[in-house]
N, C-alpha and C. Protein backbone atom coordinates (compact mmCIF):
# COMPACT_ATOMS: atom_id res chain seq x y z
N MET A 1 -10.20 3.90 9.06
CA MET A 1 -10.45 3.10 7.88
C MET A 1 -9.97 1.67 8.16
N SER A 2 -10.67 0.71 7.65
CA SER A 2 -10.33 -0.67 7.93
C SER A 2 -9.52 -1.34 6.81
N ILE A 3 -9.14 -0.56 5.78
CA ILE A 3 -8.25 -1.08 4.75
C ILE A 3 -6.87 -0.50 5.01
N VAL A 4 -5.89 -1.38 5.15
CA VAL A 4 -4.52 -0.97 5.42
C VAL A 4 -3.69 -1.24 4.17
N VAL A 5 -2.87 -0.26 3.80
CA VAL A 5 -2.00 -0.40 2.64
C VAL A 5 -0.61 -0.82 3.12
N ASN A 6 -0.15 -1.97 2.64
CA ASN A 6 1.15 -2.51 3.03
C ASN A 6 2.20 -2.36 1.94
N LEU A 7 2.10 -1.28 1.18
CA LEU A 7 3.04 -1.07 0.08
C LEU A 7 4.46 -0.94 0.60
N ASP A 8 4.63 -0.27 1.72
CA ASP A 8 5.97 -0.10 2.29
C ASP A 8 6.60 -1.44 2.65
N VAL A 9 5.78 -2.37 3.12
CA VAL A 9 6.27 -3.71 3.47
C VAL A 9 6.76 -4.43 2.22
N MET A 10 5.97 -4.37 1.15
CA MET A 10 6.35 -5.05 -0.08
C MET A 10 7.58 -4.41 -0.71
N LEU A 11 7.68 -3.09 -0.63
CA LEU A 11 8.87 -2.42 -1.15
C LEU A 11 10.12 -2.88 -0.39
N ALA A 12 10.00 -2.98 0.92
CA ALA A 12 11.13 -3.43 1.73
C ALA A 12 11.51 -4.87 1.40
N LYS A 13 10.51 -5.73 1.23
CA LYS A 13 10.79 -7.13 0.89
C LYS A 13 11.50 -7.26 -0.45
N ARG A 14 11.17 -6.38 -1.38
CA ARG A 14 11.77 -6.41 -2.72
C ARG A 14 13.01 -5.52 -2.81
N LYS A 15 13.34 -4.87 -1.70
CA LYS A 15 14.51 -3.96 -1.65
C LYS A 15 14.43 -2.93 -2.77
N MET A 16 13.26 -2.32 -2.87
CA MET A 16 13.02 -1.32 -3.91
C MET A 16 12.60 -0.01 -3.25
N LYS A 17 13.01 1.08 -3.83
CA LYS A 17 12.64 2.39 -3.32
C LYS A 17 11.35 2.85 -4.00
N LEU A 18 10.60 3.66 -3.27
CA LEU A 18 9.34 4.20 -3.79
C LEU A 18 9.59 4.95 -5.09
N LYS A 19 10.67 5.70 -5.13
CA LYS A 19 11.01 6.48 -6.33
C LYS A 19 11.19 5.58 -7.54
N ASP A 20 11.87 4.45 -7.34
CA ASP A 20 12.10 3.51 -8.45
C ASP A 20 10.80 2.88 -8.94
N LEU A 21 9.93 2.52 -8.00
CA LEU A 21 8.64 1.96 -8.38
C LEU A 21 7.82 2.99 -9.15
N ALA A 22 7.80 4.22 -8.66
CA ALA A 22 7.04 5.29 -9.31
C ALA A 22 7.51 5.49 -10.76
N GLU A 23 8.82 5.51 -10.96
CA GLU A 23 9.37 5.68 -12.31
C GLU A 23 9.00 4.51 -13.20
N THR A 24 9.07 3.31 -12.66
CA THR A 24 8.80 2.10 -13.44
C THR A 24 7.35 2.02 -13.90
N ILE A 25 6.42 2.39 -13.02
CA ILE A 25 5.00 2.27 -13.40
C ILE A 25 4.43 3.56 -13.98
N GLY A 26 5.21 4.64 -13.97
CA GLY A 26 4.76 5.89 -14.59
C GLY A 26 3.82 6.72 -13.73
N LEU A 27 3.95 6.61 -12.42
CA LEU A 27 3.17 7.45 -11.50
C LEU A 27 4.10 8.42 -10.81
N SER A 28 3.54 9.53 -10.34
CA SER A 28 4.38 10.46 -9.60
C SER A 28 4.71 9.85 -8.24
N GLU A 29 5.88 10.20 -7.74
CA GLU A 29 6.29 9.71 -6.43
C GLU A 29 5.32 10.21 -5.36
N THR A 30 4.78 11.41 -5.54
CA THR A 30 3.82 11.97 -4.59
C THR A 30 2.57 11.12 -4.51
N ASN A 31 2.02 10.75 -5.66
CA ASN A 31 0.80 9.94 -5.67
C ASN A 31 1.04 8.56 -5.05
N LEU A 32 2.18 7.97 -5.34
CA LEU A 32 2.51 6.68 -4.77
C LEU A 32 2.73 6.78 -3.27
N SER A 33 3.31 7.88 -2.84
CA SER A 33 3.52 8.11 -1.41
C SER A 33 2.19 8.25 -0.67
N LEU A 34 1.24 8.94 -1.30
CA LEU A 34 -0.09 9.08 -0.70
C LEU A 34 -0.76 7.72 -0.57
N LEU A 35 -0.57 6.86 -1.57
CA LEU A 35 -1.11 5.50 -1.50
C LEU A 35 -0.43 4.73 -0.38
N LYS A 36 0.88 4.82 -0.31
CA LYS A 36 1.65 4.09 0.70
C LYS A 36 1.22 4.45 2.12
N THR A 37 0.90 5.71 2.34
CA THR A 37 0.51 6.15 3.68
C THR A 37 -0.98 6.01 3.95
N GLY A 38 -1.72 5.49 2.97
CA GLY A 38 -3.15 5.26 3.17
C GLY A 38 -4.00 6.52 3.11
N LYS A 39 -3.48 7.55 2.47
CA LYS A 39 -4.21 8.83 2.41
C LYS A 39 -5.03 8.99 1.13
N VAL A 40 -5.28 7.90 0.44
CA VAL A 40 -6.11 7.95 -0.75
C VAL A 40 -7.40 7.19 -0.50
N LYS A 41 -8.42 7.51 -1.25
CA LYS A 41 -9.71 6.85 -1.07
C LYS A 41 -9.92 5.71 -2.04
N GLY A 42 -9.03 5.60 -3.02
CA GLY A 42 -9.19 4.53 -4.00
C GLY A 42 -7.93 4.34 -4.82
N ILE A 43 -7.93 3.25 -5.57
CA ILE A 43 -6.81 2.95 -6.46
C ILE A 43 -7.38 2.31 -7.72
N ARG A 44 -6.87 2.71 -8.85
CA ARG A 44 -7.32 2.12 -10.11
C ARG A 44 -6.76 0.71 -10.23
N PHE A 45 -7.56 -0.16 -10.80
CA PHE A 45 -7.11 -1.54 -10.96
C PHE A 45 -5.86 -1.63 -11.82
N ASN A 46 -5.76 -0.79 -12.85
CA ASN A 46 -4.56 -0.87 -13.69
C ASN A 46 -3.32 -0.43 -12.93
N THR A 47 -3.46 0.50 -11.98
CA THR A 47 -2.34 0.91 -11.13
C THR A 47 -1.96 -0.23 -10.20
N LEU A 48 -2.95 -0.85 -9.57
CA LEU A 48 -2.71 -1.98 -8.69
C LEU A 48 -2.06 -3.13 -9.46
N ASP A 49 -2.54 -3.37 -10.68
CA ASP A 49 -1.97 -4.40 -11.53
C ASP A 49 -0.50 -4.13 -11.82
N SER A 50 -0.17 -2.89 -12.13
CA SER A 50 1.22 -2.52 -12.42
C SER A 50 2.11 -2.70 -11.20
N ILE A 51 1.62 -2.29 -10.05
CA ILE A 51 2.38 -2.43 -8.81
C ILE A 51 2.64 -3.91 -8.53
N CYS A 52 1.60 -4.72 -8.65
CA CYS A 52 1.75 -6.16 -8.39
C CYS A 52 2.69 -6.82 -9.39
N GLU A 53 2.63 -6.39 -10.63
CA GLU A 53 3.52 -6.97 -11.65
C GLU A 53 4.98 -6.65 -11.32
N ILE A 54 5.27 -5.41 -10.99
CA ILE A 54 6.65 -5.01 -10.71
C ILE A 54 7.16 -5.64 -9.41
N LEU A 55 6.32 -5.66 -8.38
CA LEU A 55 6.74 -6.20 -7.09
C LEU A 55 6.57 -7.72 -7.00
N GLU A 56 6.03 -8.31 -8.07
CA GLU A 56 5.79 -9.76 -8.12
C GLU A 56 5.02 -10.23 -6.88
N CYS A 57 3.83 -9.64 -6.72
CA CYS A 57 2.99 -9.98 -5.57
C CYS A 57 1.53 -10.01 -5.98
N GLN A 58 0.67 -10.29 -5.04
CA GLN A 58 -0.77 -10.31 -5.24
C GLN A 58 -1.39 -9.06 -4.61
N PRO A 59 -2.57 -8.63 -5.06
CA PRO A 59 -3.22 -7.46 -4.44
C PRO A 59 -3.37 -7.61 -2.93
N GLY A 60 -3.60 -8.82 -2.46
CA GLY A 60 -3.74 -9.06 -1.02
C GLY A 60 -2.45 -8.85 -0.24
N ASP A 61 -1.32 -8.82 -0.95
CA ASP A 61 -0.05 -8.52 -0.29
C ASP A 61 0.06 -7.02 -0.02
N ILE A 62 -0.67 -6.24 -0.79
CA ILE A 62 -0.60 -4.78 -0.67
C ILE A 62 -1.76 -4.22 0.13
N LEU A 63 -2.94 -4.77 -0.06
CA LEU A 63 -4.13 -4.28 0.63
C LEU A 63 -4.61 -5.32 1.64
N GLU A 64 -4.91 -4.85 2.83
CA GLU A 64 -5.35 -5.75 3.90
C GLU A 64 -6.58 -5.15 4.59
N HIS A 65 -7.56 -5.98 4.82
CA HIS A 65 -8.75 -5.54 5.55
C HIS A 65 -8.60 -5.92 7.02
N ILE A 66 -8.73 -4.93 7.87
CA ILE A 66 -8.70 -5.17 9.32
C ILE A 66 -10.05 -4.75 9.86
N PRO A 67 -10.78 -5.68 10.51
CA PRO A 67 -12.10 -5.34 11.04
C PRO A 67 -12.03 -4.13 11.97
N PRO A 68 -13.04 -3.26 11.92
CA PRO A 68 -13.04 -2.05 12.75
C PRO A 68 -12.83 -2.35 14.24
N ASP A 69 -13.36 -3.45 14.74
CA ASP A 69 -13.17 -3.79 16.16
C ASP A 69 -11.70 -4.00 16.49
N SER A 70 -10.96 -4.60 15.57
CA SER A 70 -9.53 -4.83 15.78
C SER A 70 -8.77 -3.52 15.83
N LEU A 71 -9.19 -2.57 15.00
CA LEU A 71 -8.52 -1.27 14.98
C LEU A 71 -8.74 -0.53 16.29
N SER A 72 -9.97 -0.54 16.81
CA SER A 72 -10.24 0.17 18.05
C SER A 72 -9.56 -0.51 19.23
N ASP A 73 -9.45 -1.85 19.19
CA ASP A 73 -8.74 -2.58 20.24
C ASP A 73 -7.26 -2.21 20.25
N ALA A 74 -6.66 -2.14 19.07
CA ALA A 74 -5.25 -1.80 18.96
C ALA A 74 -4.98 -0.37 19.43
N THR A 75 -5.90 0.53 19.09
CA THR A 75 -5.76 1.93 19.50
C THR A 75 -5.88 2.05 21.01
N ALA A 76 -6.81 1.32 21.60
CA ALA A 76 -7.03 1.38 23.05
C ALA A 76 -5.82 0.84 23.81
N LYS A 77 -5.16 -0.17 23.26
CA LYS A 77 -4.01 -0.78 23.93
C LYS A 77 -2.79 0.13 23.92
N THR A 78 -2.69 1.01 22.93
CA THR A 78 -1.53 1.89 22.84
C THR A 78 -1.68 3.14 23.70
N LYS A 79 -2.86 3.39 24.21
CA LYS A 79 -3.08 4.59 25.03
C LYS A 79 -2.80 4.35 26.48
């Protein structure tokens, strides 16, 4: 997938735990963890809005598009 979720980076920058964010926005820690690891196929805008509001960031701070060619290049270099 060429969309990378940087939620863990933003949590670290804000010195916040996933559990605390989950409680604050009213999502289960499991669902937020799945988002953090990129194992979801989508995110509701209201969820993204809540995350951005709490972490005081923009959606682009959390979601990043990496062109497929860049992903295959990075994978090839690590092998």
